[in-house]
C-alpha atoms as a PDB file:
ATOM      1  CA  GLN A   1     185.795-154.180 192.106  1.00  0.00           C
ATOM      2  CA  VAL A   2     183.087-151.673 190.855  1.00  0.00           C
ATOM      3  CA  GLN A   3     183.854-148.328 190.906  1.00  0.00           C
ATOM      4  CA  LEU A   4     182.645-144.834 189.424  1.00  0.00           C
ATOM      5  CA  VAL A   5     185.013-142.200 188.287  1.00  0.00           C
ATOM      6  CA  GLU A   6     184.178-138.595 187.077  1.00  0.00           C
ATOM      7  CA  SER A   7     186.775-136.268 184.794  1.00  0.00           C
ATOM      8  CA  GLY A   8     185.861-133.178 183.052  1.00  0.00           C
ATOM      9  CA  GLY A   9     186.007-130.626 185.766  1.00  0.00           C
ATOM     10  CA  ASP A  10     188.248-127.833 185.451  1.00  0.00           C
ATOM     11  CA  LEU A  11     188.785-123.966 185.178  1.00  0.00           C
ATOM     12  CA  VAL A  12     185.913-121.805 183.122  1.00  0.00           C
ATOM     13  CA  GLN A  13     185.329-118.416 182.648  1.00  0.00           C
ATOM     14  CA  PRO A  14     181.364-117.896 182.900  1.00  0.00           C
ATOM     15  CA  GLY A  15     179.200-117.704 180.333  1.00  0.00           C
ATOM     16  CA  GLY A  16     181.947-121.339 179.519  1.00  0.00           C
ATOM     17  CA  SER A  17     180.915-124.641 178.684  1.00  0.00           C
ATOM     18  CA  LEU A  18     182.075-127.991 179.922  1.00  0.00           C
ATOM     19  CA  ARG A  19     181.092-132.075 179.825  1.00  0.00           C
ATOM     20  CA  LEU A  20     181.851-134.209 182.982  1.00  0.00           C
ATOM     21  CA  SER A  21     182.027-137.822 182.444  1.00  0.00           C
ATOM     22  CA  CYS A  22     181.214-140.394 185.313  1.00  0.00           C
ATOM     23  CA  VAL A  23     182.524-143.747 183.704  1.00  0.00           C
ATOM     24  CA  ALA A  24     181.442-147.128 186.075  1.00  0.00           C
ATOM     25  CA  SER A  25     183.422-150.046 185.701  1.00  0.00           C
ATOM     26  CA  GLY A  26     183.512-153.510 186.956  1.00  0.00           C
ATOM     27  CA  ARG A  27     179.644-154.029 185.900  1.00  0.00           C
ATOM     28  CA  SER A  28     177.360-152.801 183.836  1.00  0.00           C
ATOM     29  CA  PHE A  29     174.342-149.708 185.026  1.00  0.00           C
ATOM     30  CA  ARG A  30     172.535-149.528 181.601  1.00  0.00           C
ATOM     31  CA  PHE A  31     169.440-149.977 183.564  1.00  0.00           C
ATOM     32  CA  ASN A  32     170.044-148.114 186.991  1.00  0.00           C
ATOM     33  CA  PRO A  33     169.284-144.698 186.986  1.00  0.00           C
ATOM     34  CA  VAL A  34     172.545-142.155 187.903  1.00  0.00           C
ATOM     35  CA  ALA A  35     172.861-138.922 189.417  1.00  0.00           C
ATOM     36  CA  TRP A  36     174.971-136.061 189.181  1.00  0.00           C
ATOM     37  CA  TYR A  37     175.371-134.277 192.593  1.00  0.00           C
ATOM     38  CA  ARG A  38     177.665-130.861 193.279  1.00  0.00           C
ATOM     39  CA  GLN A  39     178.921-129.822 197.003  1.00  0.00           C
ATOM     40  CA  ALA A  40     179.951-126.072 196.836  1.00  0.00           C
ATOM     41  CA  SER A  41     182.738-124.911 200.126  1.00  0.00           C
ATOM     42  CA  GLY A  42     180.487-125.218 202.927  1.00  0.00           C
ATOM     43  CA  LYS A  43     176.910-125.836 201.344  1.00  0.00           C
ATOM     44  CA  GLU A  44     175.073-129.440 201.290  1.00  0.00           C
ATOM     45  CA  ARG A  45     175.561-130.968 198.697  1.00  0.00           C
ATOM     46  CA  GLU A  46     172.814-131.228 195.686  1.00  0.00           C
ATOM     47  CA  LEU A  47     171.312-132.612 192.890  1.00  0.00           C
ATOM     48  CA  VAL A  48     171.787-131.494 190.084  1.00  0.00           C
ATOM     49  CA  ALA A  49     170.725-134.197 187.182  1.00  0.00           C
ATOM     50  CA  SER A  50     169.306-137.693 186.786  1.00  0.00           C
ATOM     51  CA  ILE A  51     169.006-140.410 184.478  1.00  0.00           C
ATOM     52  CA  THR A  52     167.476-143.414 183.934  1.00  0.00           C
ATOM     53  CA  GLY A  53     167.932-146.232 182.626  1.00  0.00           C
ATOM     54  CA  GLY A  54     164.995-145.057 180.341  1.00  0.00           C
ATOM     55  CA  ALA A  55     166.331-141.896 179.667  1.00  0.00           C
ATOM     56  CA  THR A  56     163.951-140.078 181.701  1.00  0.00           C
ATOM     57  CA  THR A  57     165.574-136.263 183.035  1.00  0.00           C
ATOM     58  CA  TYR A  58     165.365-134.477 185.619  1.00  0.00           C
ATOM     59  CA  TYR A  59     166.920-131.129 186.930  1.00  0.00           C
ATOM     60  CA  LEU A  60     167.622-128.663 189.219  1.00  0.00           C
ATOM     61  CA  GLY A  61     165.592-125.734 188.459  1.00  0.00           C
ATOM     62  CA  SER A  62     169.046-123.025 188.409  1.00  0.00           C
ATOM     63  CA  VAL A  63     170.218-125.757 186.046  1.00  0.00           C
ATOM     64  CA  LYS A  64     167.882-126.427 183.484  1.00  0.00           C
ATOM     65  CA  ASP A  65     168.084-125.671 179.694  1.00  0.00           C
ATOM     66  CA  ARG A  66     171.689-124.774 180.434  1.00  0.00           C
ATOM     67  CA  PHE A  67     172.949-128.450 181.800  1.00  0.00           C
ATOM     68  CA  THR A  68     171.904-131.554 179.870  1.00  0.00           C
ATOM     69  CA  ILE A  69     172.495-135.055 181.148  1.00  0.00           C
ATOM     70  CA  SER A  70     172.922-138.352 178.818  1.00  0.00           C
ATOM     71  CA  ARG A  71     173.710-141.344 178.818  1.00  0.00           C
ATOM     72  CA  ASP A  72     175.825-144.103 176.635  1.00  0.00           C
ATOM     73  CA  ASN A  73     175.761-147.500 177.968  1.00  0.00           C
ATOM     74  CA  ALA A  74     177.865-149.186 175.606  1.00  0.00           C
ATOM     75  CA  LYS A  75     180.563-147.282 176.888  1.00  0.00           C
ATOM     76  CA  ASN A  76     178.799-147.462 180.631  1.00  0.00           C
ATOM     77  CA  THR A  77     179.369-143.291 180.581  1.00  0.00           C
ATOM     78  CA  VAL A  78     177.063-140.899 181.877  1.00  0.00           C
ATOM     79  CA  TYR A  79     177.376-137.401 180.912  1.00  0.00           C
ATOM     80  CA  LEU A  80     176.666-133.663 182.304  1.00  0.00           C
ATOM     81  CA  GLN A  81     176.981-131.405 179.520  1.00  0.00           C
ATOM     82  CA  MET A  82     177.262-127.815 181.016  1.00  0.00           C
ATOM     83  CA  ASN A  83     176.436-124.697 178.682  1.00  0.00           C
ATOM     84  CA  SER A  84     176.538-120.749 180.409  1.00  0.00           C
ATOM     85  CA  VAL A  85     178.306-121.506 183.331  1.00  0.00           C
ATOM     86  CA  LYS A  86     178.126-119.391 186.114  1.00  0.00           C
ATOM     87  CA  PRO A  87     179.896-119.129 188.956  1.00  0.00           C
ATOM     88  CA  GLU A  88     177.383-120.034 191.747  1.00  0.00           C
ATOM     89  CA  ASP A  89     178.000-123.755 189.475  1.00  0.00           C
ATOM     90  CA  THR A  90     181.247-123.867 191.106  1.00  0.00           C
ATOM     91  CA  ALA A  91     181.310-126.787 193.684  1.00  0.00           C
ATOM     92  CA  VAL A  92     182.737-130.315 193.352  1.00  0.00           C
ATOM     93  CA  TYR A  93     180.564-132.468 190.822  1.00  0.00           C
ATOM     94  CA  TYR A  94     179.836-136.032 192.043  1.00  0.00           C
ATOM     95  CA  CYS A  95     178.183-139.184 190.189  1.00  0.00           C
ATOM     96  CA  ASN A  96     175.864-141.857 192.112  1.00  0.00           C
ATOM     97  CA  VAL A  97     174.356-145.300 190.916  1.00  0.00           C
ATOM     98  CA  ILE A  98     170.996-144.006 192.774  1.00  0.00           C
ATOM     99  CA  GLY A  99     169.805-146.267 195.244  1.00  0.00           C
ATOM    100  CA  THR A 100     173.485-147.466 196.323  1.00  0.00           C
ATOM    101  CA  SER A 101     175.872-146.096 198.001  1.00  0.00           C
ATOM    102  CA  LEU A 102     177.879-146.136 195.273  1.00  0.00           C
ATOM    103  CA  TRP A 103     179.934-142.610 194.018  1.00  0.00           C
ATOM    104  CA  GLY A 104     182.736-140.908 192.650  1.00  0.00           C
ATOM    105  CA  GLN A 105     185.817-139.677 193.644  1.00  0.00           C
ATOM    106  CA  GLY A 106     184.265-135.907 192.712  1.00  0.00           C
ATOM    107  CA  THR A 107     185.440-133.724 190.214  1.00  0.00           C
ATOM    108  CA  GLN A 108     186.210-129.546 190.945  1.00  0.00           C
ATOM    109  CA  VAL A 109     184.405-127.562 188.358  1.00  0.00           C
ATOM    110  CA  THR A 110     185.528-123.543 189.307  1.00  0.00           C
ATOM    111  CA  VAL A 111     183.809-120.367 187.231  1.00  0.00           C
ATOM    112  CA  SER A 112     185.774-117.235 187.479  1.00  0.00           C
ATOM    113  CA  SER A 113     186.885-114.979 185.185  1.00  0.00           C
END
């Protein structure tokens, strides 16, 4: 069974850091682009960052220079390093293999003092 599992979400203070992980199981996705999305309460899901198989990255403007997406193909894992987090980063974060219907269950990130 192919699945994605996110982890690493937590309650963090403004200005703090978190690292989210998205682990794929069941097959390798080393050549597939993978994205992190987020959905805040009452808002639409938005694309936060993506990374291609060749490690080309894209970032939403509001997270650029604060978040870093990376991948470890040996571990079939994509990461989202979140630094200098802000309250507006509060959301459920999901990973997705781009071009497929494969999504994880989400991990909650709450930024609050």
